[in-house]
């Protein structure tokens, strides 16, 4: 092949790769109208870390996740975290307004479309959270409920300052709980119960029992606490640990085909 033609091919390839790299760095764009008639645009959030949470009033996991998002918006607001809730169709404006008021959602909520979600992903999953860095670039797309360990790994590094840990805790008028216990059964399709609520700082004992042979839940993994244990059939497996920070943490079969939640308050 003539040298001139080779050089031309290399030049075209370089221009293509350069254009592609530049397009990947372009800030994400999205403009919607919130439930109060105000414009919500990503262009107004330059310099902030933004979480776009696609959800629906008819989606049970979405409803479960929203209190945690409210808490995170309150906790990390001073570190420039901004959450935008986008209600996924089919939705009525009146239903979304009522739900947002009942939940006291402390971040903007807008009615979205399938097209607004497809700007970021082709996934049909709800809830779904898009993580956008301070430069406006999409850094991650989290399918399903965003657990605390995922927030720590994918969002916290984008925030410039860590929340200062509280040195003291408020005195309790109630008698201290010596041990909190729960038993979780693993069947062919899910965990029962699928979520467990724990108190921070109080030792916990969780007992997992696999009830069926044909299931993906043959081990229990709690990534936030470095726990990975096999689950033999019909043999109780006891996990002991002390939850040391508040939030929502996942427990899983290791392949994320089964997911449960530890809600620490």
Protein backbone atom coordinates (compact mmCIF):
# COMPACT_ATOMS: atom_id res chain seq x y z
CA UNK A 1 0.00 0.00 0.00
CA UNK A 2 1.42 3.44 -0.92
CA UNK A 3 2.84 5.43 2.01
CA UNK A 4 0.58 8.40 1.15
CA UNK A 5 -2.55 6.25 1.50
CA UNK A 6 -1.33 4.79 4.82
CA UNK A 7 -0.75 8.29 6.19
CA UNK A 8 -4.24 9.33 5.09
CA UNK A 9 -5.83 6.34 6.88
CA UNK A 10 -3.88 7.07 10.07
CA UNK A 11 -4.93 10.75 9.94
CA UNK A 12 -8.64 9.85 9.54
CA UNK A 13 -8.39 7.36 12.42
CA UNK A 14 -6.77 9.95 14.69
CA UNK A 15 -9.44 12.53 13.87
CA UNK A 16 -12.16 9.97 14.64
CA UNK A 17 -10.66 9.02 18.00
CA UNK A 18 -10.14 12.68 18.93
CA UNK A 19 -13.74 13.56 18.09
CA UNK A 20 -14.99 10.55 20.05
CA UNK A 21 -12.90 11.47 23.10
CA UNK A 22 -14.13 15.04 23.00
CA UNK A 23 -17.78 13.92 22.75
CA UNK A 24 -17.36 11.63 25.75
CA UNK A 25 -16.17 14.60 27.81
CA UNK A 26 -19.18 16.73 26.91
CA UNK A 27 -21.35 17.58 29.93
CA UNK A 28 -24.67 15.77 30.19
CA UNK A 29 -27.68 17.84 29.21
CA UNK A 30 -31.22 17.62 30.55
CA UNK A 31 -33.92 20.22 31.05
CA UNK A 32 -37.30 19.41 32.64
CA UNK A 33 -40.11 21.18 34.45
CA UNK A 34 -40.58 20.36 38.12
CA UNK A 35 -43.92 19.67 39.81
CA UNK A 36 -44.23 23.35 40.73
CA UNK A 37 -43.75 24.59 37.16
CA UNK A 38 -40.11 25.65 37.55
CA UNK A 39 -37.37 24.77 35.09
CA UNK A 40 -34.78 22.20 36.21
CA UNK A 41 -31.66 22.12 34.05
CA UNK A 42 -28.36 20.33 34.55
CA UNK A 43 -26.66 23.45 33.19
CA UNK A 44 -27.59 25.18 36.46
CA UNK A 45 -25.69 22.59 38.52
CA UNK A 46 -22.18 23.05 37.12
CA UNK A 47 -19.73 22.64 40.00
CA UNK A 48 -22.08 20.35 41.94
CA UNK A 49 -22.15 16.58 42.25
CA UNK A 50 -25.57 15.61 40.89
CA UNK A 51 -27.59 12.43 41.34
CA UNK A 52 -30.48 12.07 38.90
CA UNK A 53 -32.83 9.50 40.44
CA UNK A 54 -35.38 7.99 38.05
CA UNK A 55 -38.29 6.60 40.08
CA UNK A 56 -42.06 6.11 40.09
CA UNK A 57 -44.83 6.25 42.69
CA UNK A 58 -45.89 2.74 41.59
CA UNK A 59 -42.37 1.31 42.06
CA UNK A 60 -41.98 -0.30 45.50
CA UNK A 61 -38.12 -0.28 45.60
CA UNK A 62 -38.25 3.39 44.53
CA UNK A 63 -40.51 4.26 47.45
CA UNK A 64 -38.20 2.34 49.78
CA UNK A 65 -35.12 4.24 48.56
CA UNK A 66 -36.51 7.79 48.73
CA UNK A 67 -36.16 8.28 52.54
CA UNK A 68 -32.47 7.43 52.18
CA UNK A 69 -32.08 9.96 49.35
CA UNK A 70 -33.80 12.60 51.49
CA UNK A 71 -31.34 11.85 54.27
CA UNK A 72 -28.33 12.03 51.94
CA UNK A 73 -29.48 15.35 50.45
CA UNK A 74 -29.75 16.79 53.95
CA UNK A 75 -26.45 15.30 55.08
CA UNK A 76 -24.29 16.26 52.10
CA UNK A 77 -25.94 19.48 50.91
CA UNK A 78 -23.07 21.59 52.27
CA UNK A 79 -20.67 19.45 50.23
CA UNK A 80 -22.53 20.46 47.04
CA UNK A 81 -24.46 17.24 46.56
CA UNK A 82 -27.64 17.89 44.58
CA UNK A 83 -30.30 15.26 43.96
CA UNK A 84 -32.93 15.57 41.23
CA UNK A 85 -35.89 13.20 41.27
CA UNK A 86 -37.36 12.36 37.86
CA UNK A 87 -40.73 10.57 37.98
CA UNK A 88 -40.94 7.94 35.24
CA UNK A 89 -44.19 7.47 33.29
CA UNK A 90 -47.00 6.60 33.50
CA UNK A 91 -47.54 9.25 36.20
CA UNK A 92 -50.11 11.94 36.96
CA UNK A 93 -48.80 15.29 38.13
CA UNK A 94 -51.27 15.31 41.02
CA UNK A 95 -50.09 11.88 42.23
CA UNK A 96 -46.43 12.90 42.14
CA UNK A 97 -47.16 16.17 43.94
CA UNK A 98 -49.10 14.35 46.64
CA UNK A 99 -46.37 11.75 47.12
CA UNK A 100 -43.59 14.37 47.26
CA UNK A 101 -45.52 16.34 49.86
CA UNK A 102 -46.24 13.29 52.01
CA UNK A 103 -42.59 12.22 51.90
CA UNK A 104 -41.35 15.80 52.41
CA UNK A 105 -38.88 15.37 49.57
CA UNK A 106 -36.18 18.02 49.98
CA UNK A 107 -34.92 18.05 46.40
CA UNK A 108 -36.46 19.02 43.03
CA UNK A 109 -38.91 16.54 41.53
CA UNK A 110 -39.87 16.62 37.86
CA UNK A 111 -42.02 14.57 35.53
CA UNK A 112 -39.80 12.70 33.10
CA UNK A 113 -40.29 10.74 29.90
CA UNK A 114 -38.84 7.57 28.46
CA UNK A 115 -36.74 9.82 26.23
CA UNK A 116 -35.21 11.69 29.18
CA UNK A 117 -34.13 8.38 30.73
CA UNK A 118 -32.77 7.10 27.41
CA UNK A 119 -30.32 10.03 27.35
CA UNK A 120 -28.31 8.11 29.95
CA UNK A 121 -29.17 4.41 29.53
CA UNK A 122 -31.30 1.92 27.66
CA UNK A 123 -31.99 -0.01 30.88
CA UNK A 124 -35.61 -0.54 31.91
CA UNK A 125 -34.65 -0.79 35.60
CA UNK A 126 -36.26 1.37 38.29
CA UNK A 127 -35.06 2.96 40.45
CA UNK A 128 -32.00 4.12 38.54
CA UNK A 129 -29.49 6.77 39.60
CA UNK A 130 -27.18 8.67 37.26
CA UNK A 131 -24.03 10.01 38.93
CA UNK A 132 -22.75 13.28 37.45
CA UNK A 133 -19.44 14.85 38.47
CA UNK A 134 -18.73 18.55 39.04
CA UNK A 135 -17.61 18.97 35.43
CA UNK A 136 -21.03 17.77 34.23
CA UNK A 137 -19.77 14.42 32.92
CA UNK A 138 -21.67 11.20 33.66
CA UNK A 139 -19.47 9.04 35.90
CA UNK A 140 -21.76 6.12 36.66
CA UNK A 141 -25.25 4.65 36.29
CA UNK A 142 -26.48 2.68 39.32
CA UNK A 143 -29.31 0.26 38.52
CA UNK A 144 -31.69 -0.58 41.36
CA UNK A 145 -31.55 0.82 44.87
CA UNK A 146 -28.32 2.71 45.56
CA UNK A 147 -26.88 1.07 48.66
CA UNK A 148 -24.54 2.81 51.07
CA UNK A 149 -21.45 0.93 49.88
CA UNK A 150 -22.20 1.98 46.30
CA UNK A 151 -22.64 5.59 47.45
CA UNK A 152 -19.31 5.40 49.29
CA UNK A 153 -17.50 4.00 46.24
CA UNK A 154 -19.10 5.99 43.43
CA UNK A 155 -20.29 9.29 44.92
CA UNK A 156 -18.16 10.13 47.95
CA UNK A 157 -14.91 10.37 45.93
CA UNK A 158 -16.56 13.14 43.88
CA UNK A 159 -17.28 15.21 46.97
CA UNK A 160 -14.42 17.40 48.14
CA UNK A 161 -14.86 16.97 51.88
CA UNK A 162 -15.88 14.12 54.07
CA UNK A 163 -18.58 14.53 56.69
CA UNK A 164 -17.00 14.94 60.10
CA UNK A 165 -17.84 12.04 62.33
CA UNK A 166 -19.77 12.95 65.43
CA UNK A 167 -17.65 12.54 68.55
CA UNK A 168 -20.59 12.22 70.84
CA UNK A 169 -24.07 10.77 70.62
CA UNK A 170 -27.24 12.01 72.21
CA UNK A 171 -28.16 10.22 75.45
CA UNK A 172 -31.01 7.75 75.10
CA UNK A 173 -33.94 7.62 77.48
CA UNK A 174 -34.46 3.97 76.64
CA UNK A 175 -32.60 1.00 78.05
CA UNK A 176 -29.67 -0.02 75.83
CA UNK A 177 -30.22 -2.95 73.49
CA UNK A 178 -27.59 -5.62 74.17
CA UNK A 179 -28.02 -7.53 70.93
CA UNK A 180 -30.23 -7.17 67.87
CA UNK A 181 -31.20 -10.35 66.04
CA UNK A 182 -32.84 -11.32 62.77
CA UNK A 183 -33.30 -14.50 60.75
CA UNK A 184 -33.30 -14.40 56.94
CA UNK A 185 -34.43 -17.34 54.84
CA UNK A 186 -33.07 -17.90 51.33
CA UNK A 187 -35.41 -19.56 48.84
CA UNK A 188 -35.26 -20.09 45.09
CA UNK A 189 -36.00 -16.47 44.24
CA UNK A 190 -35.31 -14.08 47.11
CA UNK A 191 -34.46 -13.31 50.71
CA UNK A 192 -37.24 -13.32 53.30
CA UNK A 193 -37.34 -10.73 54.71
CA UNK A 194 -35.64 -8.71 51.99
CA UNK A 195 -34.61 -5.91 54.40
CA UNK A 196 -33.53 -5.70 58.02
CA UNK A 197 -33.43 -2.51 60.10
CA UNK A 198 -30.59 -2.20 62.64
CA UNK A 199 -29.44 0.38 65.15
CA UNK A 200 -25.99 1.86 64.66
CA UNK A 201 -23.45 0.93 67.31
CA UNK A 202 -25.47 -2.02 68.64
CA UNK A 203 -24.05 -5.55 68.08
CA UNK A 204 -26.09 -7.54 65.56
CA UNK A 205 -26.55 -11.27 64.96
CA UNK A 206 -28.05 -12.22 61.61
CA UNK A 207 -28.90 -15.86 60.92
CA UNK A 208 -29.14 -16.93 57.26
CA UNK A 209 -30.77 -20.26 56.30
CA UNK A 210 -30.82 -21.63 52.74
CA UNK A 211 -34.05 -23.61 52.38
CA UNK A 212 -33.80 -24.99 48.84
CA UNK A 213 -31.20 -26.77 46.75
CA UNK A 214 -31.78 -24.95 43.45
CA UNK A 215 -30.95 -21.33 44.17
CA UNK A 216 -28.26 -18.79 43.39
CA UNK A 217 -28.15 -17.85 47.06
CA UNK A 218 -25.45 -20.33 48.03
CA UNK A 219 -23.36 -17.75 49.84
CA UNK A 220 -23.97 -14.52 51.73
CA UNK A 221 -21.90 -11.43 50.99
CA UNK A 222 -22.08 -8.11 52.85
CA UNK A 223 -19.48 -5.99 51.00
CA UNK A 224 -19.54 -3.02 53.39
CA UNK A 225 -18.38 -5.25 56.25
CA UNK A 226 -16.10 -7.61 54.32
CA UNK A 227 -18.36 -10.62 54.99
CA UNK A 228 -18.40 -13.58 52.58
CA UNK A 229 -19.71 -16.90 53.90
CA UNK A 230 -21.03 -20.08 52.21
CA UNK A 231 -24.62 -21.11 52.93
CA UNK A 232 -24.97 -24.91 53.20
CA UNK A 233 -28.46 -26.32 52.69
CA UNK A 234 -30.67 -26.12 55.81
CA UNK A 235 -27.77 -25.20 58.08
CA UNK A 236 -28.10 -21.86 59.92
CA UNK A 237 -25.16 -19.53 59.30
CA UNK A 238 -24.73 -16.85 61.96
CA UNK A 239 -23.15 -13.51 61.02
CA UNK A 240 -22.04 -11.29 63.92
CA UNK A 241 -20.98 -7.66 63.48
CA UNK A 242 -21.61 -4.17 64.83
CA UNK A 243 -23.06 -1.68 62.31
CA UNK A 244 -20.86 1.38 62.68
CA UNK A 245 -22.45 3.89 60.29
CA UNK A 246 -25.91 4.86 59.18
CA UNK A 247 -27.25 4.20 55.71
CA UNK A 248 -28.52 1.45 53.44
CA UNK A 249 -26.16 -1.46 52.78
CA UNK A 250 -26.71 -4.44 50.53
CA UNK A 251 -26.38 -8.11 51.28
CA UNK A 252 -26.19 -10.36 48.25
CA UNK A 253 -25.44 -13.81 46.89
CA UNK A 254 -22.16 -12.48 45.51
CA UNK A 255 -23.38 -12.24 41.91
CA UNK A 256 -25.99 -9.57 42.69
CA UNK A 257 -28.77 -11.84 41.42
CA UNK A 258 -30.26 -11.77 44.92
CA UNK A 259 -30.24 -8.48 46.82
CA UNK A 260 -31.34 -7.53 50.29
CA UNK A 261 -30.88 -4.39 52.35
CA UNK A 262 -29.51 -3.60 55.80
CA UNK A 263 -31.00 -0.29 56.91
CA UNK A 264 -28.87 1.17 59.70
CA UNK A 265 -30.25 4.11 61.70
